[in-house]
C-alpha cells in the first residue's frame, strides 16, 4: 500500500505555488510525522498539468523540490479542473465534464506529467470526475463521454509503450453526479469494456462518498471485483453522520458545517428508501429528518466530532480492508483527501501539524499496523 496526502487542500494554481506548498506544508508534515518519505497526491490544475507535460525544465524544478523535501508522487487528483479554492466552487467543480474536449486534454496532460515523475518501475493513478453533474445528461452526452474515454485509453497505451509506466484512470463516483455511486460506475464501465479497457480505467473509491450513499463497503468492493474491474485508488476520507437530525442539538451542530464554498450533498436513510438533496442548507430546510443523515463533508480522519455528530470512519476502515483483501498481489494507492480544513467550523492554527497527525492516524489504522 502506498500512502499519500492529496494536495487539493492547498490553493496553488501554478508551479511556483505548488513548490511553495510542498515546502510550507508537505515537507514539514513529513518531518513532523517522522516519515522517511511521504507520498503526495498532487492536484494539478489544467494549465499546470499542460506545463508539466510539455516542459522538461518545469518537471526538473518540481522533481528537485520533491527530492529536497523527501516526497514522491504516484497519484494525481485531476477532478477539479481549476479554481478549486475560489470563494464559491459548488457545482463548478464538475466542469468541464467528460463531453468537453478540455476534460480529455487535461487528463492526458496529467497522465504524461505523472509518467515523467514516477519512481522507476512504478505505476501511477489519476482520479477524475464521474462524467459530470447529473442534469442535462442524455444518450448524446453519454456517447461523447464514452468516445472520450476510448481516446484516453489509446493515449495511456502510448504512454506505457513509450515510458514503461502504466497510468490508470480512476473514475470517482460522487453523490448527485451521473455516476452517483459504486453500482452506477460498475454498470457503466461493465457495459463498455470493449472500448474502455479495464487495464487502464477503473474505480476511485472515495470512502466519504461511499458512506454518504449508505452502501455496504464490503459488498461495494465485491461488486467492483466481481465485474472484473479494479479499485485503482482509494481516497481515504470520512463523512459526517447525524443519527438524530430532528433533534435541535443535532441540527445546531450540523448547521455549523454549512458553508458557501463547496457542495455538501446529504442523504437520509429511511430504511426502505434513501432521500437525496444536493446541499446541507437544503437538507436543513426540506428533509423530514425521520432517519439518519450522512453529509458529504470530508472531516480529518483522526477527528472525532463532538456529540451528537459522528464520522463514518468505520466505512473507511472496512473499505480499505476489503480492497486489500481482494487484490493482495497489486499495489493499492491510498490518498488521504481532506480538502476541507480551511472551511471547518474551527480551522487548525497549524495545518502542517494537522496533516501530520492525520497521516500518522492513516499509517496506524490503514496500513496494516493497527491492533484490534
Protein backbone atom coordinates (compact mmCIF):
# COMPACT_ATOMS: atom_id res chain seq x y z
CA UNK A 1 0.00 0.00 0.00
CA UNK A 2 1.24 3.46 -0.92
CA UNK A 3 0.07 6.26 1.38
CA UNK A 4 -0.11 9.87 0.28
CA UNK A 5 -2.00 13.01 1.10
CA UNK A 6 -3.87 14.94 -1.55
CA UNK A 7 -2.67 18.49 -2.10
CA UNK A 8 -6.05 19.81 -3.24
CA UNK A 9 -6.28 21.13 0.32
CA UNK A 10 -3.95 23.92 -0.90
CA UNK A 11 -5.00 26.69 -3.33
CA UNK A 12 -1.92 26.77 -5.60
CA UNK A 13 -2.71 27.14 -9.31
CA UNK A 14 0.81 27.39 -10.81
CA UNK A 15 4.21 25.76 -10.42
CA UNK A 16 5.57 28.40 -8.06
CA UNK A 17 2.53 27.92 -5.84
CA UNK A 18 2.86 24.13 -5.83
CA UNK A 19 6.56 24.38 -4.95
CA UNK A 20 5.72 26.78 -2.12
CA UNK A 21 3.03 24.47 -0.72
CA UNK A 22 5.39 21.48 -0.79
CA UNK A 23 7.95 23.43 1.22
CA UNK A 24 5.46 25.01 3.60
CA UNK A 25 3.21 22.03 4.27
CA UNK A 26 4.20 18.68 2.73
CA UNK A 27 7.84 18.69 3.81
CA UNK A 28 7.08 19.89 7.36
CA UNK A 29 4.23 17.34 7.65
CA UNK A 30 6.60 14.55 6.61
CA UNK A 31 9.17 15.62 9.18
CA UNK A 32 6.61 16.03 11.97
CA UNK A 33 5.16 12.59 11.19
CA UNK A 34 8.64 11.06 11.22
CA UNK A 35 8.35 9.52 7.72
CA UNK A 36 11.48 8.91 5.66
CA UNK A 37 9.45 9.51 2.50
CA UNK A 38 5.94 10.91 2.12
CA UNK A 39 3.68 10.44 -0.87
CA UNK A 40 1.83 13.46 -2.20
CA UNK A 41 -1.22 13.10 -4.38
CA UNK A 42 -0.71 16.25 -6.39
CA UNK A 43 -3.68 18.26 -7.56
CA UNK A 44 -2.61 19.76 -10.88
CA UNK A 45 -4.93 22.39 -12.35
CA UNK A 46 -5.25 22.11 -16.12
CA UNK A 47 -2.79 24.83 -17.05
CA UNK A 48 -0.10 23.42 -14.77
CA UNK A 49 -0.73 19.85 -15.98
CA UNK A 50 -0.08 21.06 -19.53
CA UNK A 51 3.09 22.86 -18.48
CA UNK A 52 4.47 19.79 -16.74
CA UNK A 53 3.50 17.54 -19.64
CA UNK A 54 5.32 19.67 -22.20
CA UNK A 55 8.16 21.46 -20.39
CA UNK A 56 11.04 19.33 -19.14
CA UNK A 57 12.58 22.24 -17.23
CA UNK A 58 9.34 22.67 -15.27
CA UNK A 59 9.38 18.97 -14.39
CA UNK A 60 13.00 19.25 -13.32
CA UNK A 61 12.14 22.12 -10.95
CA UNK A 62 9.31 20.11 -9.41
CA UNK A 63 11.40 16.93 -9.11
CA UNK A 64 14.17 18.85 -7.36
CA UNK A 65 11.77 20.16 -4.71
CA UNK A 66 10.17 16.74 -4.24
CA UNK A 67 13.62 15.24 -3.65
CA UNK A 68 14.62 18.12 -1.38
CA UNK A 69 11.54 17.60 0.82
CA UNK A 70 11.61 13.79 0.87
CA UNK A 71 8.44 13.46 -1.20
CA UNK A 72 7.31 11.19 -4.02
CA UNK A 73 4.37 11.18 -6.43
CA UNK A 74 2.44 8.09 -7.51
CA UNK A 75 -1.05 9.56 -7.90
CA UNK A 76 -2.67 12.76 -9.10
CA UNK A 77 -6.03 14.35 -8.50
CA UNK A 78 -7.41 15.57 -11.83
CA UNK A 79 -11.01 16.04 -10.68
CA UNK A 80 -11.13 19.84 -10.22
CA UNK A 81 -10.10 21.48 -13.49
CA UNK A 82 -9.11 24.79 -11.89
CA UNK A 83 -10.04 27.32 -9.19
CA UNK A 84 -10.81 24.71 -6.53
CA UNK A 85 -10.34 27.33 -3.83
CA UNK A 86 -12.45 30.07 -5.39
CA UNK A 87 -14.74 31.92 -3.00
CA UNK A 88 -17.63 29.82 -4.32
CA UNK A 89 -16.99 26.50 -6.07
CA UNK A 90 -20.17 24.43 -5.65
CA UNK A 91 -21.24 22.77 -8.94
CA UNK A 92 -18.44 24.41 -10.94
CA UNK A 93 -16.16 21.62 -9.70
CA UNK A 94 -17.87 19.30 -12.22
CA UNK A 95 -16.95 21.49 -15.20
CA UNK A 96 -15.79 20.86 -17.83
CA UNK A 97 -17.43 17.45 -17.90
CA UNK A 98 -16.45 14.44 -19.97
CA UNK A 99 -18.35 15.67 -23.04
CA UNK A 100 -15.97 18.64 -23.29
CA UNK A 101 -12.67 18.10 -25.15
CA UNK A 102 -10.90 20.18 -22.49
CA UNK A 103 -11.51 17.41 -19.94
CA UNK A 104 -9.85 14.82 -22.17
CA UNK A 105 -6.89 17.09 -22.97
CA UNK A 106 -6.41 17.86 -19.28
CA UNK A 107 -6.42 14.20 -18.29
CA UNK A 108 -3.94 13.21 -21.00
CA UNK A 109 -1.66 16.06 -19.93
CA UNK A 110 -1.89 14.86 -16.32
CA UNK A 111 -1.03 11.31 -17.39
CA UNK A 112 2.01 12.44 -19.37
CA UNK A 113 3.20 14.60 -16.49
CA UNK A 114 2.76 11.78 -13.97
CA UNK A 115 4.59 9.25 -16.14
CA UNK A 116 7.57 11.61 -16.22
CA UNK A 117 7.62 11.97 -12.41
CA UNK A 118 7.04 8.40 -11.24
CA UNK A 119 9.74 6.42 -9.44
CA UNK A 120 11.42 3.76 -11.57
CA UNK A 121 9.19 0.80 -12.43
CA UNK A 122 6.22 2.31 -10.57
CA UNK A 123 2.69 2.59 -11.92
CA UNK A 124 0.53 5.65 -11.40
CA UNK A 125 -3.12 6.56 -10.85
CA UNK A 126 -5.21 9.63 -11.62
CA UNK A 127 -8.67 10.30 -10.21
CA UNK A 128 -11.31 12.02 -12.32
CA UNK A 129 -14.92 13.10 -12.06
CA UNK A 130 -17.83 10.66 -12.65
CA UNK A 131 -18.63 12.02 -16.13
CA UNK A 132 -20.40 15.14 -14.85
CA UNK A 133 -23.24 16.51 -12.81
CA UNK A 134 -26.49 14.67 -13.46
CA UNK A 135 -28.57 17.47 -15.06
CA UNK A 136 -28.71 17.80 -18.83
CA UNK A 137 -27.28 14.33 -19.44
CA UNK A 138 -28.72 12.02 -22.08
CA UNK A 139 -27.69 9.45 -24.70
CA UNK A 140 -25.81 12.01 -26.80
CA UNK A 141 -23.71 13.12 -23.84
CA UNK A 142 -23.12 9.53 -22.79
CA UNK A 143 -21.85 8.61 -26.24
CA UNK A 144 -19.49 11.59 -26.26
CA UNK A 145 -18.08 10.64 -22.86
CA UNK A 146 -17.61 7.02 -23.95
CA UNK A 147 -15.69 8.14 -27.03
CA UNK A 148 -13.52 10.46 -24.91
CA UNK A 149 -12.54 7.56 -22.66
CA UNK A 150 -11.74 5.42 -25.70
CA UNK A 151 -9.35 8.12 -26.92
CA UNK A 152 -7.91 8.39 -23.42
CA UNK A 153 -7.20 4.65 -23.29
CA UNK A 154 -5.31 4.88 -26.58
CA UNK A 155 -3.20 7.70 -25.14
CA UNK A 156 -2.50 5.70 -21.98
CA UNK A 157 -1.35 2.72 -24.05
CA UNK A 158 1.01 5.00 -25.94
CA UNK A 159 2.38 6.40 -22.66
CA UNK A 160 3.00 2.86 -21.45
CA UNK A 161 4.75 1.86 -24.67
CA UNK A 162 6.93 4.97 -24.54
CA UNK A 163 7.79 5.16 -20.84
CA UNK A 164 7.14 1.68 -19.43
CA UNK A 165 4.80 3.18 -16.83
CA UNK A 166 1.15 2.16 -16.65
CA UNK A 167 -1.08 5.10 -15.74
CA UNK A 168 -4.58 4.11 -14.66
CA UNK A 169 -7.56 6.46 -14.54
CA UNK A 170 -9.79 6.15 -11.51
CA UNK A 171 -13.36 7.36 -12.03
CA UNK A 172 -14.72 8.66 -8.72
CA UNK A 173 -18.45 8.12 -8.05
CA UNK A 174 -19.96 11.06 -6.21
CA UNK A 175 -23.50 11.75 -4.94
CA UNK A 176 -25.53 13.81 -7.39
CA UNK A 177 -23.38 13.01 -10.42
CA UNK A 178 -24.10 10.83 -13.44
CA UNK A 179 -22.22 8.02 -11.70
CA UNK A 180 -23.67 8.66 -8.27
CA UNK A 181 -22.46 5.51 -6.51
CA UNK A 182 -20.49 2.28 -6.94
CA UNK A 183 -23.42 0.44 -8.54
CA UNK A 184 -23.62 3.16 -11.21
CA UNK A 185 -19.95 3.01 -12.13
CA UNK A 186 -19.93 -0.79 -12.19
CA UNK A 187 -22.86 -0.78 -14.59
CA UNK A 188 -21.37 1.96 -16.79
CA UNK A 189 -17.89 0.51 -17.12
CA UNK A 190 -19.08 -3.11 -17.42
CA UNK A 191 -21.16 -2.17 -20.47
CA UNK A 192 -18.14 -0.58 -22.20
CA UNK A 193 -15.21 -2.94 -21.69
CA UNK A 194 -14.97 -3.37 -25.46
CA UNK A 195 -13.90 0.29 -25.81
CA UNK A 196 -12.77 1.26 -22.28
CA UNK A 197 -10.06 -1.22 -21.32
CA UNK A 198 -10.28 -2.15 -17.59
CA UNK A 199 -6.49 -2.37 -17.55
CA UNK A 200 -6.39 1.41 -17.84
CA UNK A 201 -9.71 2.64 -16.38
CA UNK A 202 -11.20 1.60 -13.06
CA UNK A 203 -12.70 3.00 -9.88
CA UNK A 204 -11.61 5.63 -7.40
CA UNK A 205 -13.23 4.60 -4.13
CA UNK A 206 -13.77 7.79 -2.17
CA UNK A 207 -14.87 6.44 1.20
CA UNK A 208 -16.69 9.63 2.19
CA UNK A 209 -18.82 9.38 -0.96
CA UNK A 210 -19.28 5.66 -0.33
CA UNK A 211 -20.54 6.34 3.19
CA UNK A 212 -22.90 9.11 2.08
CA UNK A 213 -24.57 6.65 -0.31
CA UNK A 214 -25.23 4.29 2.66
CA UNK A 215 -23.60 1.47 0.66
CA UNK A 216 -22.15 -1.55 2.40
CA UNK A 217 -18.40 -1.13 1.82
CA UNK A 218 -17.58 -4.84 1.64
CA UNK A 219 -20.40 -5.52 -0.82
CA UNK A 220 -19.42 -2.48 -2.91
CA UNK A 221 -15.82 -3.66 -3.25
CA UNK A 222 -17.01 -7.17 -4.07
CA UNK A 223 -19.29 -5.81 -6.82
CA UNK A 224 -16.33 -3.98 -8.39
CA UNK A 225 -14.14 -7.07 -8.22
CA UNK A 226 -16.86 -9.45 -9.49
CA UNK A 227 -17.39 -7.20 -12.53
CA UNK A 228 -13.74 -7.62 -13.49
CA UNK A 229 -12.94 -4.03 -12.56
CA UNK A 230 -10.27 -2.64 -10.26
CA UNK A 231 -10.21 -0.17 -7.39
CA UNK A 232 -7.37 1.85 -8.86
CA UNK A 233 -7.22 4.30 -5.96
CA UNK A 234 -8.74 4.80 -2.54
CA UNK A 235 -9.42 8.33 -1.42
CA UNK A 236 -9.31 7.91 2.33
CA UNK A 237 -11.99 10.17 3.71
CA UNK A 238 -14.81 10.25 6.24
CA UNK A 239 -18.25 11.84 6.09
CA UNK A 240 -20.27 13.43 8.85
CA UNK A 241 -23.14 11.41 10.30
CA UNK A 242 -26.20 12.73 12.13
CA UNK A 243 -28.12 9.92 13.77
CA UNK A 244 -30.97 12.10 15.08
CA UNK A 245 -31.34 15.02 12.66
CA UNK A 246 -34.70 16.08 14.11
CA UNK A 247 -33.07 16.76 17.47
CA UNK A 248 -32.44 20.53 17.95
CA UNK A 249 -28.92 19.97 19.28
CA UNK A 250 -28.08 17.81 16.24
CA UNK A 251 -29.43 20.42 13.85
CA UNK A 252 -27.44 23.17 15.50
CA UNK A 253 -24.27 21.08 15.42
CA UNK A 254 -24.53 20.09 11.76
CA UNK A 255 -25.58 23.59 10.68
CA UNK A 256 -22.12 24.80 11.71
CA UNK A 257 -20.74 22.84 8.72
CA UNK A 258 -22.92 24.60 6.13
CA UNK A 259 -20.56 26.89 4.24
CA UNK A 260 -20.60 28.66 0.86
CA UNK A 261 -17.57 27.25 -0.98
CA UNK A 262 -18.25 23.55 -1.56
CA UNK A 263 -21.32 21.45 -2.22
CA UNK A 264 -22.24 19.16 0.70
CA UNK A 265 -24.71 16.56 -0.54
CA UNK A 266 -26.90 14.94 2.12
CA UNK A 267 -28.63 11.56 2.16
CA UNK A 268 -31.32 10.50 4.64
CA UNK A 269 -31.79 6.78 5.24
CA UNK A 270 -35.46 5.95 5.83
CA UNK A 271 -34.89 2.21 5.70
CA UNK A 272 -36.93 1.45 2.60
CA UNK A 273 -35.55 4.39 0.62
CA UNK A 274 -32.80 7.00 0.58
CA UNK A 275 -33.83 10.66 0.33
CA UNK A 276 -31.38 12.87 -1.58
CA UNK A 277 -30.66 16.58 -1.56
CA UNK A 278 -27.77 18.47 -3.08
CA UNK A 279 -26.54 20.63 -0.19
CA UNK A 280 -26.64 20.93 3.56
CA UNK A 281 -28.70 24.12 3.65
CA UNK A 282 -31.33 22.40 1.52
CA UNK A 283 -31.31 19.37 3.82
CA UNK A 284 -31.92 21.51 6.89
CA UNK A 285 -34.82 23.24 5.13
CA UNK A 286 -36.53 20.33 3.38
CA UNK A 287 -35.67 16.83 4.63
CA UNK A 288 -38.17 15.25 7.05
CA UNK A 289 -35.35 14.14 9.40
CA UNK A 290 -37.07 10.84 10.13
CA UNK A 291 -33.87 8.83 9.66
CA UNK A 292 -30.10 9.32 9.99
CA UNK A 293 -28.23 11.67 7.70
CA UNK A 294 -24.83 11.38 6.11
CA UNK A 295 -23.24 14.56 4.85
CA UNK A 296 -20.60 14.99 2.16
CA UNK A 297 -18.13 16.92 4.26
CA UNK A 298 -14.63 15.44 4.42
CA UNK A 299 -13.59 15.57 8.07
CA UNK A 300 -9.98 14.92 9.14
CA UNK A 301 -9.53 11.20 9.65
CA UNK A 302 -8.32 11.48 13.23
CA UNK A 303 -11.14 13.86 14.15
CA UNK A 304 -13.85 12.58 16.50
CA UNK A 305 -16.70 15.08 16.10
CA UNK A 306 -18.36 16.29 19.26
CA UNK A 307 -21.63 14.54 20.07
CA UNK A 308 -24.28 14.42 18.75
CA UNK A 309 -22.33 14.24 15.46
CA UNK A 310 -20.10 11.36 14.41
CA UNK A 311 -17.88 10.39 11.48
CA UNK A 312 -18.09 7.40 9.13
CA UNK A 313 -14.63 6.12 9.99
CA UNK A 314 -15.93 2.55 10.17
CA UNK A 315 -16.83 2.69 6.46
CA UNK A 316 -13.30 3.81 5.61
CA UNK A 317 -11.69 1.01 7.61
CA UNK A 318 -13.96 -1.67 6.16
CA UNK A 319 -13.48 -0.45 2.60
CA UNK A 320 -9.68 -0.42 2.83
CA UNK A 321 -9.64 -3.91 4.34
CA UNK A 322 -11.93 -5.17 1.59
CA UNK A 323 -9.81 -3.68 -1.20
CA UNK A 324 -6.56 -5.05 0.19
CA UNK A 325 -8.12 -8.49 0.66
CA UNK A 326 -9.48 -8.55 -2.89
CA UNK A 327 -6.18 -7.69 -4.60
CA UNK A 328 -3.27 -8.78 -2.39
CA UNK A 329 -0.87 -9.04 -5.33
CA UNK A 330 -1.36 -5.44 -6.52
CA UNK A 331 -0.29 -2.02 -5.37
CA UNK A 332 -3.02 -0.03 -3.64
CA UNK A 333 -2.83 3.76 -3.73
CA UNK A 334 -4.35 5.30 -0.59
CA UNK A 335 -4.63 9.08 -0.86
CA UNK A 336 -5.82 10.97 2.22
CA UNK A 337 -8.19 13.58 0.79
CA UNK A 338 -9.28 16.12 3.36
CA UNK A 339 -9.61 19.30 1.31
CA UNK A 340 -11.95 20.95 3.82
CA UNK A 341 -9.50 22.02 6.56
CA UNK A 342 -9.99 25.70 5.73
CA UNK A 343 -13.81 25.51 5.90
CA UNK A 344 -14.09 23.59 9.17
CA UNK A 345 -16.04 25.47 11.85
CA UNK A 346 -12.70 25.74 13.69
CA UNK A 347 -9.81 25.58 11.17
CA UNK A 348 -6.45 24.49 12.62
CA UNK A 349 -3.83 27.05 13.54
CA UNK A 350 -1.06 24.79 12.17
CA UNK A 351 -2.15 22.99 9.00
CA UNK A 352 1.11 21.05 8.60
CA UNK A 353 0.71 19.65 12.11
CA UNK A 354 -2.88 18.69 11.36
CA UNK A 355 -1.84 16.88 8.19
CA UNK A 356 0.96 15.09 10.06
CA UNK A 357 -1.48 13.93 12.73
CA UNK A 358 -3.88 12.68 10.06
CA UNK A 359 -1.12 10.79 8.25
CA UNK A 360 0.04 9.14 11.47
CA UNK A 361 -3.55 8.01 12.06
CA UNK A 362 -3.72 6.67 8.50
CA UNK A 363 -0.42 4.83 8.86
CA UNK A 364 -1.59 3.19 12.07
CA UNK A 365 -5.19 2.42 11.08
CA UNK A 366 -4.96 1.80 7.34
CA UNK A 367 -1.51 0.50 6.58
CA UNK A 368 -1.63 -2.82 8.41
CA UNK A 369 -0.23 -1.70 11.75
CA UNK A 370 -3.39 -1.31 13.76
CA UNK A 371 -4.07 -3.59 16.70
CA UNK A 372 -7.53 -4.96 17.36
